[in-house]
C-alpha cells in the first residue's frame, strides 16, 4: 500500500474518484438530479483552489488508478488550533472495507 502526498498533477484522478464514489455510494440518499450535476471538471477546479489555499491531500495508488484520498489541514476551530482536521476521505466503492480508509485516516 503506497500512501503519498498528492499534488496538482493528481487532481484529475482525485476528482474522478470523488464523482464516482458519490454516484455509487449516495444514489439512494440524494436526488438523482444532484448526482447527475456532479462533474469531474468542476471538481478539478475546486481541488486546485483548495490546494492553493493550503489544503493537503494524500492518496493511495493502485496499479492504474487512485484507490482513495483524504484532504486535511489546520483545524477551523479556535479551541483546536494545534490539531489537524480531516476535511474529506474517499475510497473507491469497489475497495471499501479493505483498510484503505483506516490507513488514510491514520496517516492524517
C-alpha atoms as a PDB file:
ATOM      1  CA  UNK A   1       0.000   0.000   0.000  1.00  0.00           C
ATOM      2  CA  UNK A   2       1.592   3.242  -1.152  1.00  0.00           C
ATOM      3  CA  UNK A   3       0.371   6.392   0.599  1.00  0.00           C
ATOM      4  CA  UNK A   4       1.869   9.613  -0.665  1.00  0.00           C
ATOM      5  CA  UNK A   5       1.259  13.330  -0.739  1.00  0.00           C
ATOM      6  CA  UNK A   6      -0.820  14.394  -3.712  1.00  0.00           C
ATOM      7  CA  UNK A   7      -0.028  17.365  -5.894  1.00  0.00           C
ATOM      8  CA  UNK A   8      -1.752  19.343  -8.612  1.00  0.00           C
ATOM      9  CA  UNK A   9      -0.960  16.623 -11.168  1.00  0.00           C
ATOM     10  CA  UNK A  10      -3.196  14.251  -9.174  1.00  0.00           C
ATOM     11  CA  UNK A  11      -6.254  16.497  -9.138  1.00  0.00           C
ATOM     12  CA  UNK A  12      -7.937  14.910 -12.161  1.00  0.00           C
ATOM     13  CA  UNK A  13      -7.701  11.414 -10.658  1.00  0.00           C
ATOM     14  CA  UNK A  14      -8.875  12.667  -7.275  1.00  0.00           C
ATOM     15  CA  UNK A  15     -11.835  14.387  -8.922  1.00  0.00           C
ATOM     16  CA  UNK A  16     -12.775  11.304 -10.951  1.00  0.00           C
ATOM     17  CA  UNK A  17     -12.742   9.178  -7.808  1.00  0.00           C
ATOM     18  CA  UNK A  18     -14.845  11.662  -5.836  1.00  0.00           C
ATOM     19  CA  UNK A  19     -17.549  11.839  -8.517  1.00  0.00           C
ATOM     20  CA  UNK A  20     -17.558   8.056  -8.916  1.00  0.00           C
ATOM     21  CA  UNK A  21     -17.920   7.450  -5.168  1.00  0.00           C
ATOM     22  CA  UNK A  22     -20.720   9.992  -4.856  1.00  0.00           C
ATOM     23  CA  UNK A  23     -22.645   8.443  -7.752  1.00  0.00           C
ATOM     24  CA  UNK A  24     -22.333   4.911  -6.390  1.00  0.00           C
ATOM     25  CA  UNK A  25     -22.454   5.421  -2.618  1.00  0.00           C
ATOM     26  CA  UNK A  26     -25.098   8.136  -2.331  1.00  0.00           C
ATOM     27  CA  UNK A  27     -27.531   7.130  -5.086  1.00  0.00           C
ATOM     28  CA  UNK A  28     -30.137   6.050  -2.517  1.00  0.00           C
ATOM     29  CA  UNK A  29     -29.702   9.127  -0.320  1.00  0.00           C
ATOM     30  CA  UNK A  30     -29.535  12.219  -2.524  1.00  0.00           C
ATOM     31  CA  UNK A  31     -31.592  13.280  -5.520  1.00  0.00           C
ATOM     32  CA  UNK A  32     -30.536  11.813  -8.866  1.00  0.00           C
ATOM     33  CA  UNK A  33     -30.545  15.338 -10.316  1.00  0.00           C
ATOM     34  CA  UNK A  34     -27.800  16.333  -7.881  1.00  0.00           C
ATOM     35  CA  UNK A  35     -25.690  13.281  -8.707  1.00  0.00           C
ATOM     36  CA  UNK A  36     -26.102  13.932 -12.417  1.00  0.00           C
ATOM     37  CA  UNK A  37     -24.961  17.524 -11.898  1.00  0.00           C
ATOM     38  CA  UNK A  38     -21.611  16.417 -10.457  1.00  0.00           C
ATOM     39  CA  UNK A  39     -18.792  16.876 -12.917  1.00  0.00           C
ATOM     40  CA  UNK A  40     -15.142  15.973 -12.846  1.00  0.00           C
ATOM     41  CA  UNK A  41     -14.286  19.331 -14.415  1.00  0.00           C
ATOM     42  CA  UNK A  42     -15.950  21.286 -11.587  1.00  0.00           C
ATOM     43  CA  UNK A  43     -14.206  19.123  -9.002  1.00  0.00           C
ATOM     44  CA  UNK A  44     -10.833  19.725 -10.644  1.00  0.00           C
ATOM     45  CA  UNK A  45     -11.343  23.476 -10.237  1.00  0.00           C
ATOM     46  CA  UNK A  46     -12.407  23.051  -6.592  1.00  0.00           C
ATOM     47  CA  UNK A  47      -9.474  20.842  -5.611  1.00  0.00           C
ATOM     48  CA  UNK A  48      -6.963  23.136  -7.306  1.00  0.00           C
ATOM     49  CA  UNK A  49      -8.434  26.065  -5.358  1.00  0.00           C
ATOM     50  CA  UNK A  50      -8.238  24.098  -2.113  1.00  0.00           C
ATOM     51  CA  UNK A  51      -4.595  23.217  -2.759  1.00  0.00           C
ATOM     52  CA  UNK A  52      -3.792  26.881  -3.386  1.00  0.00           C
ATOM     53  CA  UNK A  53      -5.369  27.670  -0.002  1.00  0.00           C
ATOM     54  CA  UNK A  54      -3.098  25.165   1.729  1.00  0.00           C
ATOM     55  CA  UNK A  55      -5.341  22.120   1.970  1.00  0.00           C
ATOM     56  CA  UNK A  56      -3.198  18.993   1.939  1.00  0.00           C
ATOM     57  CA  UNK A  57      -4.076  15.801   0.110  1.00  0.00           C
ATOM     58  CA  UNK A  58      -2.777  12.278   0.472  1.00  0.00           C
ATOM     59  CA  UNK A  59      -3.683   9.340  -1.697  1.00  0.00           C
ATOM     60  CA  UNK A  60      -3.344   5.623  -2.110  1.00  0.00           C
ATOM     61  CA  UNK A  61      -2.465   4.454  -5.581  1.00  0.00           C
ATOM     62  CA  UNK A  62      -3.383   1.208  -7.254  1.00  0.00           C
ATOM     63  CA  UNK A  63      -1.656  -0.130 -10.328  1.00  0.00           C
ATOM     64  CA  UNK A  64      -3.606   2.117 -12.690  1.00  0.00           C
ATOM     65  CA  UNK A  65      -5.723   4.491 -10.606  1.00  0.00           C
ATOM     66  CA  UNK A  66      -6.211   6.197  -7.279  1.00  0.00           C
ATOM     67  CA  UNK A  67      -7.827   3.876  -4.725  1.00  0.00           C
ATOM     68  CA  UNK A  68      -8.547   6.563  -2.150  1.00  0.00           C
ATOM     69  CA  UNK A  69      -7.653  10.007  -0.924  1.00  0.00           C
ATOM     70  CA  UNK A  70      -8.032  12.269   2.062  1.00  0.00           C
ATOM     71  CA  UNK A  71      -7.815  16.029   2.392  1.00  0.00           C
ATOM     72  CA  UNK A  72      -6.874  17.789   5.595  1.00  0.00           C
ATOM     73  CA  UNK A  73      -5.441  20.941   7.088  1.00  0.00           C
ATOM     74  CA  UNK A  74      -5.413  23.089  10.168  1.00  0.00           C
ATOM     75  CA  UNK A  75      -8.441  22.890  12.380  1.00  0.00           C
ATOM     76  CA  UNK A  76     -11.070  25.539  11.747  1.00  0.00           C
ATOM     77  CA  UNK A  77     -11.929  25.603  15.454  1.00  0.00           C
ATOM     78  CA  UNK A  78     -10.164  28.045  17.764  1.00  0.00           C
ATOM     79  CA  UNK A  79     -10.122  25.542  20.599  1.00  0.00           C
ATOM     80  CA  UNK A  80      -8.207  23.042  18.428  1.00  0.00           C
ATOM     81  CA  UNK A  81      -5.738  25.255  16.563  1.00  0.00           C
ATOM     82  CA  UNK A  82      -2.864  22.856  17.192  1.00  0.00           C
ATOM     83  CA  UNK A  83      -4.703  19.912  15.624  1.00  0.00           C
ATOM     84  CA  UNK A  84      -5.303  18.803  12.067  1.00  0.00           C
ATOM     85  CA  UNK A  85      -8.818  18.477  10.726  1.00  0.00           C
ATOM     86  CA  UNK A  86      -9.902  15.827   8.255  1.00  0.00           C
ATOM     87  CA  UNK A  87     -11.909  17.546   5.510  1.00  0.00           C
ATOM     88  CA  UNK A  88     -12.688  14.577   3.271  1.00  0.00           C
ATOM     89  CA  UNK A  89     -11.940  10.897   2.851  1.00  0.00           C
ATOM     90  CA  UNK A  90     -12.973   8.851  -0.179  1.00  0.00           C
ATOM     91  CA  UNK A  91     -12.219   5.248  -1.118  1.00  0.00           C
ATOM     92  CA  UNK A  92     -13.176   3.617  -4.410  1.00  0.00           C
ATOM     93  CA  UNK A  93     -16.532   1.858  -3.963  1.00  0.00           C
ATOM     94  CA  UNK A  94     -15.048  -1.475  -5.031  1.00  0.00           C
ATOM     95  CA  UNK A  95     -12.214  -1.200  -2.499  1.00  0.00           C
ATOM     96  CA  UNK A  96     -14.149  -0.169   0.595  1.00  0.00           C
ATOM     97  CA  UNK A  97     -13.851  -2.248   3.789  1.00  0.00           C
ATOM     98  CA  UNK A  98     -10.310  -3.332   2.884  1.00  0.00           C
ATOM     99  CA  UNK A  99      -8.476  -0.995   5.284  1.00  0.00           C
ATOM    100  CA  UNK A 100      -7.687   1.836   2.872  1.00  0.00           C
ATOM    101  CA  UNK A 101      -9.827   4.388   4.693  1.00  0.00           C
ATOM    102  CA  UNK A 102      -8.265   3.454   8.012  1.00  0.00           C
ATOM    103  CA  UNK A 103      -4.796   3.786   6.517  1.00  0.00           C
ATOM    104  CA  UNK A 104      -5.604   7.261   5.177  1.00  0.00           C
ATOM    105  CA  UNK A 105      -7.130   8.338   8.483  1.00  0.00           C
ATOM    106  CA  UNK A 106      -4.136   7.095  10.441  1.00  0.00           C
ATOM    107  CA  UNK A 107      -1.792   8.951   8.098  1.00  0.00           C
ATOM    108  CA  UNK A 108      -3.679  12.221   8.594  1.00  0.00           C
END
